[in-house]
Amino acid sequence: MADTPKLKDYFTAEVIGEIGERICAVHPPFDTDTFVTNALGSAWEELTFTQRSRSIADALWAGIGLDVAATLDVLVAALPDELDDPEGVLNESFWCGRSAMRLPHTPSTTSMQASTRARP
């Protein structure tokens, strides 16, 4: 099991950068480089998944710099389009796209649907 990645390791600098790029695309004053630097902090490797999530959220909040309602509008606008097919967004990979990582123990939705149909 040593080869199995930890959930916290899905938050890479590349993924955080892509989140920043999505935010910047809908809110140009957002500084992606500062966001990534602030999100990663100095003790990134020691942080748990929850602590990393909080660090990213705090860096987003500081970087967007708007009131709550406007910040929510920016975050919603930065989300990718919904998928017609259930494969993808938070099923087998994270939503960021280019650096999406496959979850090692998640069967594909197609195989789950096939096995469900095969049952009486």
PDB file of N, CA and C in Angstrom:
ATOM      1  N   MET A   1       0.799  -1.195   0.000  1.00  0.00           N
ATOM      2  CA  MET A   1       0.000   0.000   0.000  1.00  0.00           C
ATOM      3  C   MET A   1       0.848   1.269   0.000  1.00  0.00           C
ATOM      4  N   ALA A   2       2.146   1.125   0.058  1.00  0.00           N
ATOM      5  CA  ALA A   2       3.021   2.298   0.094  1.00  0.00           C
ATOM      6  C   ALA A   2       2.880   3.141  -1.169  1.00  0.00           C
ATOM      7  N   ASP A   3       2.474   2.543  -2.290  1.00  0.00           N
ATOM      8  CA  ASP A   3       2.340   3.260  -3.547  1.00  0.00           C
ATOM      9  C   ASP A   3       1.022   4.015  -3.654  1.00  0.00           C
ATOM     10  N   THR A   4       0.081   3.746  -2.768  1.00  0.00           N
ATOM     11  CA  THR A   4      -1.212   4.403  -2.822  1.00  0.00           C
ATOM     12  C   THR A   4      -1.071   5.844  -2.345  1.00  0.00           C
ATOM     13  N   PRO A   5      -1.441   6.800  -3.212  1.00  0.00           N
ATOM     14  CA  PRO A   5      -1.310   8.195  -2.784  1.00  0.00           C
ATOM     15  C   PRO A   5      -2.314   8.536  -1.688  1.00  0.00           C
ATOM     16  N   LYS A   6      -1.944   9.464  -0.859  1.00  0.00           N
ATOM     17  CA  LYS A   6      -2.837   9.949   0.180  1.00  0.00           C
ATOM     18  C   LYS A   6      -3.738  11.015  -0.441  1.00  0.00           C
ATOM     19  N   LEU A   7      -4.955  11.129   0.052  1.00  0.00           N
ATOM     20  CA  LEU A   7      -5.890  12.113  -0.469  1.00  0.00           C
ATOM     21  C   LEU A   7      -5.296  13.518  -0.411  1.00  0.00           C
ATOM     22  N   LYS A   8      -4.557  13.816   0.643  1.00  0.00           N
ATOM     23  CA  LYS A   8      -3.975  15.151   0.781  1.00  0.00           C
ATOM     24  C   LYS A   8      -3.004  15.470  -0.361  1.00  0.00           C
ATOM     25  N   ASP A   9      -2.434  14.439  -0.973  1.00  0.00           N
ATOM     26  CA  ASP A   9      -1.459  14.643  -2.041  1.00  0.00           C
ATOM     27  C   ASP A   9      -2.089  15.023  -3.376  1.00  0.00           C
ATOM     28  N   TYR A  10      -3.415  15.024  -3.441  1.00  0.00           N
ATOM     29  CA  TYR A  10      -4.074  15.479  -4.672  1.00  0.00           C
ATOM     30  C   TYR A  10      -4.004  16.992  -4.799  1.00  0.00           C
ATOM     31  N   PHE A  11      -3.789  17.683  -3.699  1.00  0.00           N
ATOM     32  CA  PHE A  11      -3.603  19.132  -3.723  1.00  0.00           C
ATOM     33  C   PHE A  11      -2.135  19.418  -4.003  1.00  0.00           C
ATOM     34  N   THR A  12      -1.790  19.492  -5.257  1.00  0.00           N
ATOM     35  CA  THR A  12      -0.423  19.808  -5.658  1.00  0.00           C
ATOM     36  C   THR A  12      -0.343  21.299  -6.016  1.00  0.00           C
ATOM     37  N   ALA A  13       0.864  21.804  -6.150  1.00  0.00           N
ATOM     38  CA  ALA A  13       1.048  23.192  -6.583  1.00  0.00           C
ATOM     39  C   ALA A  13       0.397  23.400  -7.946  1.00  0.00           C
ATOM     40  N   GLU A  14       0.464  22.392  -8.805  1.00  0.00           N
ATOM     41  CA  GLU A  14      -0.141  22.502 -10.135  1.00  0.00           C
ATOM     42  C   GLU A  14      -1.663  22.624 -10.036  1.00  0.00           C
ATOM     43  N   VAL A  15      -2.282  21.805  -9.210  1.00  0.00           N
ATOM     44  CA  VAL A  15      -3.737  21.861  -9.035  1.00  0.00           C
ATOM     45  C   VAL A  15      -4.137  23.213  -8.442  1.00  0.00           C
ATOM     46  N   ILE A  16      -3.401  23.669  -7.449  1.00  0.00           N
ATOM     47  CA  ILE A  16      -3.703  24.955  -6.825  1.00  0.00           C
ATOM     48  C   ILE A  16      -3.537  26.079  -7.853  1.00  0.00           C
ATOM     49  N   GLY A  17      -2.510  25.979  -8.677  1.00  0.00           N
ATOM     50  CA  GLY A  17      -2.317  26.963  -9.744  1.00  0.00           C
ATOM     51  C   GLY A  17      -3.473  26.977 -10.732  1.00  0.00           C
ATOM     52  N   GLU A  18      -3.985  25.801 -11.059  1.00  0.00           N
ATOM     53  CA  GLU A  18      -5.122  25.734 -11.983  1.00  0.00           C
ATOM     54  C   GLU A  18      -6.383  26.318 -11.361  1.00  0.00           C
ATOM     55  N   ILE A  19      -6.563  26.117 -10.069  1.00  0.00           N
ATOM     56  CA  ILE A  19      -7.681  26.759  -9.380  1.00  0.00           C
ATOM     57  C   ILE A  19      -7.513  28.272  -9.491  1.00  0.00           C
ATOM     58  N   GLY A  20      -6.301  28.746  -9.240  1.00  0.00           N
ATOM     59  CA  GLY A  20      -6.019  30.178  -9.361  1.00  0.00           C
ATOM     60  C   GLY A  20      -6.274  30.714 -10.756  1.00  0.00           C
ATOM     61  N   GLU A  21      -5.897  29.954 -11.773  1.00  0.00           N
ATOM     62  CA  GLU A  21      -6.135  30.379 -13.158  1.00  0.00           C
ATOM     63  C   GLU A  21      -7.631  30.486 -13.452  1.00  0.00           C
ATOM     64  N   ARG A  22      -8.403  29.545 -12.922  1.00  0.00           N
ATOM     65  CA  ARG A  22      -9.861  29.602 -13.116  1.00  0.00           C
ATOM     66  C   ARG A  22     -10.451  30.839 -12.451  1.00  0.00           C
ATOM     67  N   ILE A  23      -9.961  31.146 -11.242  1.00  0.00           N
ATOM     68  CA  ILE A  23     -10.443  32.331 -10.537  1.00  0.00           C
ATOM     69  C   ILE A  23     -10.039  33.588 -11.316  1.00  0.00           C
ATOM     70  N   CYS A  24      -8.807  33.664 -11.739  1.00  0.00           N
ATOM     71  CA  CYS A  24      -8.306  34.833 -12.463  1.00  0.00           C
ATOM     72  C   CYS A  24      -9.063  35.046 -13.779  1.00  0.00           C
ATOM     73  N   ALA A  25      -9.486  33.975 -14.413  1.00  0.00           N
ATOM     74  CA  ALA A  25     -10.219  34.090 -15.673  1.00  0.00           C
ATOM     75  C   ALA A  25     -11.557  34.812 -15.502  1.00  0.00           C
ATOM     76  N   VAL A  26     -12.148  34.697 -14.325  1.00  0.00           N
ATOM     77  CA  VAL A  26     -13.442  35.359 -14.084  1.00  0.00           C
ATOM     78  C   VAL A  26     -13.313  36.582 -13.178  1.00  0.00           C
ATOM     79  N   HIS A  27     -12.148  36.734 -12.540  1.00  0.00           N
ATOM     80  CA  HIS A  27     -11.894  37.868 -11.643  1.00  0.00           C
ATOM     81  C   HIS A  27     -10.439  38.296 -11.851  1.00  0.00           C
ATOM     82  N   PRO A  28     -10.169  39.074 -12.931  1.00  0.00           N
ATOM     83  CA  PRO A  28      -8.796  39.416 -13.311  1.00  0.00           C
ATOM     84  C   PRO A  28      -7.910  40.039 -12.236  1.00  0.00           C
ATOM     85  N   PRO A  29      -8.439  40.755 -11.226  1.00  0.00           N
ATOM     86  CA  PRO A  29      -7.521  41.273 -10.198  1.00  0.00           C
ATOM     87  C   PRO A  29      -6.867  40.179  -9.343  1.00  0.00           C
ATOM     88  N   PHE A  30      -7.383  38.960  -9.419  1.00  0.00           N
ATOM     89  CA  PHE A  30      -6.847  37.853  -8.619  1.00  0.00           C
ATOM     90  C   PHE A  30      -5.433  37.521  -9.079  1.00  0.00           C
ATOM     91  N   ASP A  31      -4.492  37.466  -8.146  1.00  0.00           N
ATOM     92  CA  ASP A  31      -3.087  37.173  -8.445  1.00  0.00           C
ATOM     93  C   ASP A  31      -2.813  35.693  -8.163  1.00  0.00           C
ATOM     94  N   THR A  32      -2.732  34.916  -9.218  1.00  0.00           N
ATOM     95  CA  THR A  32      -2.566  33.472  -9.084  1.00  0.00           C
ATOM     96  C   THR A  32      -1.263  33.101  -8.380  1.00  0.00           C
ATOM     97  N   ASP A  33      -0.171  33.783  -8.711  1.00  0.00           N
ATOM     98  CA  ASP A  33       1.117  33.453  -8.092  1.00  0.00           C
ATOM     99  C   ASP A  33       1.093  33.684  -6.577  1.00  0.00           C
ATOM    100  N   THR A  34       0.522  34.792  -6.159  1.00  0.00           N
ATOM    101  CA  THR A  34       0.412  35.074  -4.722  1.00  0.00           C
ATOM    102  C   THR A  34      -0.496  34.052  -4.053  1.00  0.00           C
ATOM    103  N   PHE A  35      -1.594  33.714  -4.731  1.00  0.00           N
ATOM    104  CA  PHE A  35      -2.514  32.706  -4.198  1.00  0.00           C
ATOM    105  C   PHE A  35      -1.792  31.382  -3.959  1.00  0.00           C
ATOM    106  N   VAL A  36      -1.042  30.920  -4.941  1.00  0.00           N
ATOM    107  CA  VAL A  36      -0.332  29.639  -4.815  1.00  0.00           C
ATOM    108  C   VAL A  36       0.678  29.713  -3.679  1.00  0.00           C
ATOM    109  N   THR A  37       1.443  30.787  -3.618  1.00  0.00           N
ATOM    110  CA  THR A  37       2.435  30.960  -2.548  1.00  0.00           C
ATOM    111  C   THR A  37       1.764  30.950  -1.177  1.00  0.00           C
ATOM    112  N   ASN A  38       0.671  31.691  -1.036  1.00  0.00           N
ATOM    113  CA  ASN A  38      -0.024  31.755   0.250  1.00  0.00           C
ATOM    114  C   ASN A  38      -0.687  30.426   0.605  1.00  0.00           C
ATOM    115  N   ALA A  39      -1.265  29.753  -0.371  1.00  0.00           N
ATOM    116  CA  ALA A  39      -1.923  28.471  -0.107  1.00  0.00           C
ATOM    117  C   ALA A  39      -0.913  27.416   0.339  1.00  0.00           C
ATOM    118  N   LEU A  40       0.230  27.367  -0.327  1.00  0.00           N
ATOM    119  CA  LEU A  40       1.235  26.357   0.008  1.00  0.00           C
ATOM    120  C   LEU A  40       1.920  26.639   1.340  1.00  0.00           C
ATOM    121  N   GLY A  41       2.062  27.895   1.691  1.00  0.00           N
ATOM    122  CA  GLY A  41       2.691  28.236   2.969  1.00  0.00           C
ATOM    123  C   GLY A  41       4.072  27.619   3.115  1.00  0.00           C
ATOM    124  N   SER A  42       4.537  27.513   4.349  1.00  0.00           N
ATOM    125  CA  SER A  42       5.892  27.006   4.578  1.00  0.00           C
ATOM    126  C   SER A  42       5.924  25.558   5.061  1.00  0.00           C
ATOM    127  N   ALA A  43       4.795  25.027   5.524  1.00  0.00           N
ATOM    128  CA  ALA A  43       4.789  23.671   6.090  1.00  0.00           C
ATOM    129  C   ALA A  43       3.820  22.757   5.341  1.00  0.00           C
ATOM    130  N   TRP A  44       3.672  22.957   4.041  1.00  0.00           N
ATOM    131  CA  TRP A  44       2.692  22.234   3.233  1.00  0.00           C
ATOM    132  C   TRP A  44       2.772  20.719   3.405  1.00  0.00           C
ATOM    133  N   GLU A  45       3.948  20.185   3.369  1.00  0.00           N
ATOM    134  CA  GLU A  45       4.114  18.725   3.438  1.00  0.00           C
ATOM    135  C   GLU A  45       3.576  18.127   4.733  1.00  0.00           C
ATOM    136  N   GLU A  46       3.632  18.880   5.809  1.00  0.00           N
ATOM    137  CA  GLU A  46       3.171  18.357   7.095  1.00  0.00           C
ATOM    138  C   GLU A  46       1.663  18.497   7.298  1.00  0.00           C
ATOM    139  N   LEU A  47       0.997  19.292   6.460  1.00  0.00           N
ATOM    140  CA  LEU A  47      -0.430  19.545   6.651  1.00  0.00           C
ATOM    141  C   LEU A  47      -1.285  18.339   6.278  1.00  0.00           C
ATOM    142  N   THR A  48      -2.366  18.154   7.027  1.00  0.00           N
ATOM    143  CA  THR A  48      -3.348  17.116   6.706  1.00  0.00           C
ATOM    144  C   THR A  48      -4.213  17.603   5.545  1.00  0.00           C
ATOM    145  N   PHE A  49      -5.067  16.732   5.032  1.00  0.00           N
ATOM    146  CA  PHE A  49      -5.984  17.110   3.964  1.00  0.00           C
ATOM    147  C   PHE A  49      -6.845  18.302   4.390  1.00  0.00           C
ATOM    148  N   THR A  50      -7.410  18.231   5.585  1.00  0.00           N
ATOM    149  CA  THR A  50      -8.275  19.302   6.074  1.00  0.00           C
ATOM    150  C   THR A  50      -7.500  20.604   6.234  1.00  0.00           C
ATOM    151  N   GLN A  51      -6.290  20.523   6.749  1.00  0.00           N
ATOM    152  CA  GLN A  51      -5.470  21.725   6.908  1.00  0.00           C
ATOM    153  C   GLN A  51      -5.104  22.317   5.545  1.00  0.00           C
ATOM    154  N   ARG A  52      -4.822  21.471   4.577  1.00  0.00           N
ATOM    155  CA  ARG A  52      -4.528  21.959   3.226  1.00  0.00           C
ATOM    156  C   ARG A  52      -5.759  22.627   2.621  1.00  0.00           C
ATOM    157  N   SER A  53      -6.915  22.007   2.810  1.00  0.00           N
ATOM    158  CA  SER A  53      -8.167  22.593   2.309  1.00  0.00           C
ATOM    159  C   SER A  53      -8.380  23.974   2.914  1.00  0.00           C
ATOM    160  N   ARG A  54      -8.146  24.093   4.215  1.00  0.00           N
ATOM    161  CA  ARG A  54      -8.302  25.375   4.905  1.00  0.00           C
ATOM    162  C   ARG A  54      -7.304  26.398   4.388  1.00  0.00           C
ATOM    163  N   SER A  55      -6.071  25.976   4.161  1.00  0.00           N
ATOM    164  CA  SER A  55      -5.051  26.882   3.654  1.00  0.00           C
ATOM    165  C   SER A  55      -5.438  27.421   2.279  1.00  0.00           C
ATOM    166  N   ILE A  56      -5.951  26.552   1.425  1.00  0.00           N
ATOM    167  CA  ILE A  56      -6.399  26.973   0.091  1.00  0.00           C
ATOM    168  C   ILE A  56      -7.580  27.934   0.220  1.00  0.00           C
ATOM    169  N   ALA A  57      -8.537  27.594   1.074  1.00  0.00           N
ATOM    170  CA  ALA A  57      -9.708  28.457   1.264  1.00  0.00           C
ATOM    171  C   ALA A  57      -9.295  29.831   1.797  1.00  0.00           C
ATOM    172  N   ASP A  58      -8.395  29.851   2.771  1.00  0.00           N
ATOM    173  CA  ASP A  58      -7.935  31.124   3.333  1.00  0.00           C
ATOM    174  C   ASP A  58      -7.222  31.961   2.266  1.00  0.00           C
ATOM    175  N   ALA A  59      -6.398  31.314   1.451  1.00  0.00           N
ATOM    176  CA  ALA A  59      -5.680  32.034   0.396  1.00  0.00           C
ATOM    177  C   ALA A  59      -6.652  32.544  -0.676  1.00  0.00           C
ATOM    178  N   LEU A  60      -7.683  31.765  -0.980  1.00  0.00           N
ATOM    179  CA  LEU A  60      -8.714  32.224  -1.922  1.00  0.00           C
ATOM    180  C   LEU A  60      -9.418  33.456  -1.372  1.00  0.00           C
ATOM    181  N   TRP A  61      -9.850  33.369  -0.128  1.00  0.00           N
ATOM    182  CA  TRP A  61     -10.563  34.479   0.504  1.00  0.00           C
ATOM    183  C   TRP A  61      -9.715  35.756   0.488  1.00  0.00           C
ATOM    184  N   ALA A  62      -8.469  35.635   0.888  1.00  0.00           N
ATOM    185  CA  ALA A  62      -7.578  36.794   0.916  1.00  0.00           C
ATOM    186  C   ALA A  62      -7.309  37.326  -0.489  1.00  0.00           C
ATOM    187  N   GLY A  63      -7.158  36.430  -1.441  1.00  0.00           N
ATOM    188  CA  GLY A  63      -6.813  36.833  -2.802  1.00  0.00           C
ATOM    189  C   GLY A  63      -7.960  37.433  -3.586  1.00  0.00           C
ATOM    190  N   ILE A  64      -9.159  36.947  -3.352  1.00  0.00           N
ATOM    191  CA  ILE A  64     -10.319  37.481  -4.087  1.00  0.00           C
ATOM    192  C   ILE A  64     -10.665  38.867  -3.553  1.00  0.00           C
ATOM    193  N   GLY A  65     -10.661  39.020  -2.231  1.00  0.00           N
ATOM    194  CA  GLY A  65     -10.802  40.339  -1.629  1.00  0.00           C
ATOM    195  C   GLY A  65     -12.149  41.016  -1.819  1.00  0.00           C
ATOM    196  N   LEU A  66     -13.207  40.253  -1.965  1.00  0.00           N
ATOM    197  CA  LEU A  66     -14.550  40.810  -2.122  1.00  0.00           C
ATOM    198  C   LEU A  66     -15.412  40.402  -0.942  1.00  0.00           C
ATOM    199  N   ASP A  67     -16.619  40.949  -0.869  1.00  0.00           N
ATOM    200  CA  ASP A  67     -17.529  40.520   0.191  1.00  0.00           C
ATOM    201  C   ASP A  67     -17.985  39.086  -0.085  1.00  0.00           C
ATOM    202  N   VAL A  68     -18.673  38.500   0.860  1.00  0.00           N
ATOM    203  CA  VAL A  68     -19.052  37.083   0.763  1.00  0.00           C
ATOM    204  C   VAL A  68     -19.874  36.803  -0.486  1.00  0.00           C
ATOM    205  N   ALA A  69     -20.915  37.600  -0.747  1.00  0.00           N
ATOM    206  CA  ALA A  69     -21.786  37.349  -1.898  1.00  0.00           C
ATOM    207  C   ALA A  69     -21.011  37.442  -3.215  1.00  0.00           C
ATOM    208  N   ALA A  70     -20.173  38.457  -3.351  1.00  0.00           N
ATOM    209  CA  ALA A  70     -19.387  38.610  -4.582  1.00  0.00           C
ATOM    210  C   ALA A  70     -18.357  37.491  -4.721  1.00  0.00           C
ATOM    211  N   THR A  71     -17.759  37.077  -3.602  1.00  0.00           N
ATOM    212  CA  THR A  71     -16.804  35.971  -3.638  1.00  0.00           C
ATOM    213  C   THR A  71     -17.481  34.690  -4.097  1.00  0.00           C
ATOM    214  N   LEU A  72     -18.668  34.425  -3.585  1.00  0.00           N
ATOM    215  CA  LEU A  72     -19.411  33.235  -4.024  1.00  0.00           C
ATOM    216  C   LEU A  72     -19.714  33.304  -5.514  1.00  0.00           C
ATOM    217  N   ASP A  73     -20.070  34.487  -6.013  1.00  0.00           N
ATOM    218  CA  ASP A  73     -20.315  34.645  -7.455  1.00  0.00           C
ATOM    219  C   ASP A  73     -19.061  34.306  -8.258  1.00  0.00           C
ATOM    220  N   VAL A  74     -17.902  34.758  -7.782  1.00  0.00           N
ATOM    221  CA  VAL A  74     -16.629  34.455  -8.464  1.00  0.00           C
ATOM    222  C   VAL A  74     -16.373  32.956  -8.453  1.00  0.00           C
ATOM    223  N   LEU A  75     -16.544  32.316  -7.310  1.00  0.00           N
ATOM    224  CA  LEU A  75     -16.282  30.882  -7.200  1.00  0.00           C
ATOM    225  C   LEU A  75     -17.213  30.077  -8.103  1.00  0.00           C
ATOM    226  N   VAL A  76     -18.485  30.437  -8.132  1.00  0.00           N
ATOM    227  CA  VAL A  76     -19.439  29.727  -8.991  1.00  0.00           C
ATOM    228  C   VAL A  76     -19.091  29.948 -10.460  1.00  0.00           C
ATOM    229  N   ALA A  77     -18.731  31.172 -10.818  1.00  0.00           N
ATOM    230  CA  ALA A  77     -18.371  31.463 -12.207  1.00  0.00           C
ATOM    231  C   ALA A  77     -17.118  30.699 -12.639  1.00  0.00           C
ATOM    232  N   ALA A  78     -16.234  30.377 -11.680  1.00  0.00           N
ATOM    233  CA  ALA A  78     -14.987  29.673 -11.992  1.00  0.00           C
ATOM    234  C   ALA A  78     -15.175  28.164 -12.144  1.00  0.00           C
ATOM    235  N   LEU A  79     -16.317  27.649 -11.724  1.00  0.00           N
ATOM    236  CA  LEU A  79     -16.554  26.206 -11.846  1.00  0.00           C
ATOM    237  C   LEU A  79     -16.633  25.803 -13.305  1.00  0.00           C
ATOM    238  N   PRO A  80     -16.212  24.601 -13.632  1.00  0.00           N
ATOM    239  CA  PRO A  80     -16.345  24.129 -15.021  1.00  0.00           C
ATOM    240  C   PRO A  80     -17.805  23.834 -15.328  1.00  0.00           C
ATOM    241  N   ASP A  81     -18.099  23.700 -16.603  1.00  0.00           N
ATOM    242  CA  ASP A  81     -19.453  23.321 -17.007  1.00  0.00           C
ATOM    243  C   ASP A  81     -19.799  21.956 -16.442  1.00  0.00           C
ATOM    244  N   GLU A  82     -21.078  21.744 -16.184  1.00  0.00           N
ATOM    245  CA  GLU A  82     -21.513  20.423 -15.733  1.00  0.00           C
ATOM    246  C   GLU A  82     -21.285  19.419 -16.852  1.00  0.00           C
ATOM    247  N   LEU A  83     -21.040  18.203 -16.471  1.00  0.00           N
ATOM    248  CA  LEU A  83     -20.811  17.146 -17.439  1.00  0.00           C
ATOM    249  C   LEU A  83     -22.123  16.467 -17.797  1.00  0.00           C
ATOM    250  N   ASP A  84     -22.287  16.139 -19.077  1.00  0.00           N
ATOM    251  CA  ASP A  84     -23.447  15.356 -19.492  1.00  0.00           C
ATOM    252  C   ASP A  84     -23.272  13.913 -19.059  1.00  0.00           C
ATOM    253  N   ASP A  85     -22.031  13.463 -19.062  1.00  0.00           N
ATOM    254  CA  ASP A  85     -21.676  12.103 -18.698  1.00  0.00           C
ATOM    255  C   ASP A  85     -21.193  12.121 -17.247  1.00  0.00           C
ATOM    256  N   PRO A  86     -21.581  11.167 -16.422  1.00  0.00           N
ATOM    257  CA  PRO A  86     -21.178  11.201 -15.019  1.00  0.00           C
ATOM    258  C   PRO A  86     -19.691  10.944 -14.778  1.00  0.00           C
ATOM    259  N   GLU A  87     -18.931  10.575 -15.790  1.00  0.00           N
ATOM    260  CA  GLU A  87     -17.500  10.349 -15.611  1.00  0.00           C
ATOM    261  C   GLU A  87     -16.812  11.690 -15.387  1.00  0.00           C
ATOM    262  N   GLY A  88     -15.955  11.791 -14.405  1.00  0.00           N
ATOM    263  CA  GLY A  88     -15.166  12.999 -14.239  1.00  0.00           C
ATOM    264  C   GLY A  88     -15.356  13.677 -12.915  1.00  0.00           C
ATOM    265  N   VAL A  89     -15.869  14.868 -12.934  1.00  0.00           N
ATOM    266  CA  VAL A  89     -15.891  15.758 -11.787  1.00  0.00           C
ATOM    267  C   VAL A  89     -16.238  15.051 -10.485  1.00  0.00           C
ATOM    268  N   LEU A  90     -15.236  14.905  -9.648  1.00  0.00           N
ATOM    269  CA  LEU A  90     -15.329  14.293  -8.328  1.00  0.00           C
ATOM    270  C   LEU A  90     -15.870  12.866  -8.339  1.00  0.00           C
ATOM    271  N   ASN A  91     -15.819  12.211  -9.481  1.00  0.00           N
ATOM    272  CA  ASN A  91     -16.124  10.786  -9.521  1.00  0.00           C
ATOM    273  C   ASN A  91     -14.810  10.022  -9.488  1.00  0.00           C
ATOM    274  N   GLU A  92     -14.048  10.132 -10.552  1.00  0.00           N
ATOM    275  CA  GLU A  92     -12.761   9.452 -10.601  1.00  0.00           C
ATOM    276  C   GLU A  92     -11.600  10.418 -10.616  1.00  0.00           C
ATOM    277  N   SER A  93     -11.866  11.693 -10.782  1.00  0.00           N
ATOM    278  CA  SER A  93     -10.780  12.665 -10.803  1.00  0.00           C
ATOM    279  C   SER A  93     -11.303  14.006 -10.326  1.00  0.00           C
ATOM    280  N   PHE A  94     -10.387  14.842  -9.926  1.00  0.00           N
ATOM    281  CA  PHE A  94     -10.781  16.148  -9.450  1.00  0.00           C
ATOM    282  C   PHE A  94     -11.089  17.054 -10.613  1.00  0.00           C
ATOM    283  N   TRP A  95     -11.829  18.115 -10.354  1.00  0.00           N
ATOM    284  CA  TRP A  95     -12.403  18.945 -11.395  1.00  0.00           C
ATOM    285  C   TRP A  95     -11.432  19.836 -12.125  1.00  0.00           C
ATOM    286  N   CYS A  96     -10.217  19.918 -11.709  1.00  0.00           N
ATOM    287  CA  CYS A  96      -9.330  20.924 -12.268  1.00  0.00           C
ATOM    288  C   CYS A  96      -8.939  20.688 -13.712  1.00  0.00           C
ATOM    289  N   GLY A  97      -9.105  19.513 -14.214  1.00  0.00           N
ATOM    290  CA  GLY A  97      -8.862  19.301 -15.639  1.00  0.00           C
ATOM    291  C   GLY A  97      -7.484  18.757 -15.936  1.00  0.00           C
ATOM    292  N   ARG A  98      -6.593  19.627 -16.418  1.00  0.00           N
ATOM    293  CA  ARG A  98      -5.305  19.159 -16.929  1.00  0.00           C
ATOM    294  C   ARG A  98      -4.548  18.292 -15.938  1.00  0.00           C
ATOM    295  N   SER A  99      -4.601  18.616 -14.682  1.00  0.00           N
ATOM    296  CA  SER A  99      -3.830  17.851 -13.707  1.00  0.00           C
ATOM    297  C   SER A  99      -4.710  16.923 -12.880  1.00  0.00           C
ATOM    298  N   ALA A 100      -5.904  16.643 -13.383  1.00  0.00           N
ATOM    299  CA  ALA A 100      -6.810  15.764 -12.642  1.00  0.00           C
ATOM    300  C   ALA A 100      -6.111  14.434 -12.372  1.00  0.00           C
ATOM    301  N   MET A 101      -6.280  13.953 -11.158  1.00  0.00           N
ATOM    302  CA  MET A 101      -5.632  12.707 -10.767  1.00  0.00           C
ATOM    303  C   MET A 101      -6.697  11.639 -10.582  1.00  0.00           C
ATOM    304  N   ARG A 102      -6.417  10.466 -11.036  1.00  0.00           N
ATOM    305  CA  ARG A 102      -7.343   9.354 -10.891  1.00  0.00           C
ATOM    306  C   ARG A 102      -7.298   8.829  -9.462  1.00  0.00           C
ATOM    307  N   LEU A 103      -8.448   8.581  -8.907  1.00  0.00           N
ATOM    308  CA  LEU A 103      -8.503   7.976  -7.587  1.00  0.00           C
ATOM    309  C   LEU A 103      -8.235   6.485  -7.749  1.00  0.00           C
ATOM    310  N   PRO A 104      -7.268   5.929  -7.041  1.00  0.00           N
ATOM    311  CA  PRO A 104      -6.832   4.559  -7.294  1.00  0.00           C
ATOM    312  C   PRO A 104      -7.850   3.478  -6.959  1.00  0.00           C
ATOM    313  N   HIS A 105      -8.771   3.715  -6.042  1.00  0.00           N
ATOM    314  CA  HIS A 105      -9.665   2.645  -5.621  1.00  0.00           C
ATOM    315  C   HIS A 105     -11.106   2.855  -6.055  1.00  0.00           C
ATOM    316  N   THR A 106     -11.337   3.792  -6.975  1.00  0.00           N
ATOM    317  CA  THR A 106     -12.695   4.092  -7.392  1.00  0.00           C
ATOM    318  C   THR A 106     -12.975   3.380  -8.713  1.00  0.00           C
ATOM    319  N   PRO A 107     -13.923   2.456  -8.740  1.00  0.00           N
ATOM    320  CA  PRO A 107     -14.256   1.826 -10.019  1.00  0.00           C
ATOM    321  C   PRO A 107     -14.905   2.855 -10.929  1.00  0.00           C
ATOM    322  N   SER A 108     -14.746   2.681 -12.208  1.00  0.00           N
ATOM    323  CA  SER A 108     -15.355   3.637 -13.124  1.00  0.00           C
ATOM    324  C   SER A 108     -16.870   3.568 -13.011  1.00  0.00           C
ATOM    325  N   THR A 109     -17.511   4.687 -13.285  1.00  0.00           N
ATOM    326  CA  THR A 109     -18.963   4.744 -13.231  1.00  0.00           C
ATOM    327  C   THR A 109     -19.558   3.750 -14.216  1.00  0.00           C
ATOM    328  N   THR A 110     -18.926   3.607 -15.380  1.00  0.00           N
ATOM    329  CA  THR A 110     -19.423   2.677 -16.388  1.00  0.00           C
ATOM    330  C   THR A 110     -19.423   1.257 -15.858  1.00  0.00           C
ATOM    331  N   SER A 111     -18.345   0.846 -15.186  1.00  0.00           N
ATOM    332  CA  SER A 111     -18.301  -0.522 -14.663  1.00  0.00           C
ATOM    333  C   SER A 111     -19.285  -0.691 -13.513  1.00  0.00           C
ATOM    334  N   MET A 112     -19.499   0.381 -12.718  1.00  0.00           N
ATOM    335  CA  MET A 112     -20.486   0.289 -11.638  1.00  0.00           C
ATOM    336  C   MET A 112     -21.889   0.170 -12.223  1.00  0.00           C
ATOM    337  N   GLN A 113     -22.163   0.913 -13.302  1.00  0.00           N
ATOM    338  CA  GLN A 113     -23.480   0.837 -13.928  1.00  0.00           C
ATOM    339  C   GLN A 113     -23.687  -0.544 -14.534  1.00  0.00           C
ATOM    340  N   ALA A 114     -22.652  -1.087 -15.149  1.00  0.00           N
ATOM    341  CA  ALA A 114     -22.764  -2.412 -15.768  1.00  0.00           C
ATOM    342  C   ALA A 114     -23.016  -3.481 -14.706  1.00  0.00           C
ATOM    343  N   SER A 115     -22.312  -3.383 -13.586  1.00  0.00           N
ATOM    344  CA  SER A 115     -22.512  -4.405 -12.554  1.00  0.00           C
ATOM    345  C   SER A 115     -23.881  -4.256 -11.897  1.00  0.00           C
ATOM    346  N   THR A 116     -24.386  -3.037 -11.833  1.00  0.00           N
ATOM    347  CA  THR A 116     -25.725  -2.830 -11.261  1.00  0.00           C
ATOM    348  C   THR A 116     -26.783  -3.411 -12.181  1.00  0.00           C
ATOM    349  N   ARG A 117     -26.616  -3.214 -13.484  1.00  0.00           N
ATOM    350  CA  ARG A 117     -27.583  -3.738 -14.453  1.00  0.00           C
ATOM    351  C   ARG A 117     -27.564  -5.255 -14.467  1.00  0.00           C
ATOM    352  N   ALA A 118     -26.437  -5.845 -14.155  1.00  0.00           N
ATOM    353  CA  ALA A 118     -26.311  -7.308 -14.229  1.00  0.00           C
ATOM    354  C   ALA A 118     -27.010  -7.994 -13.063  1.00  0.00           C
ATOM    355  N   ARG A 119     -27.300  -7.259 -12.020  1.00  0.00           N
ATOM    356  CA  ARG A 119     -27.951  -7.855 -10.856  1.00  0.00           C
ATOM    357  C   ARG A 119     -29.448  -8.010 -11.103  1.00  0.00           C
ATOM    358  N   PRO A 120     -30.035  -9.104 -10.547  1.00  0.00           N
ATOM    359  CA  PRO A 120     -31.479  -9.287 -10.747  1.00  0.00           C
ATOM    360  C   PRO A 120     -32.307  -8.295  -9.973  1.00  0.00           C
TER     361      PRO A 120
END
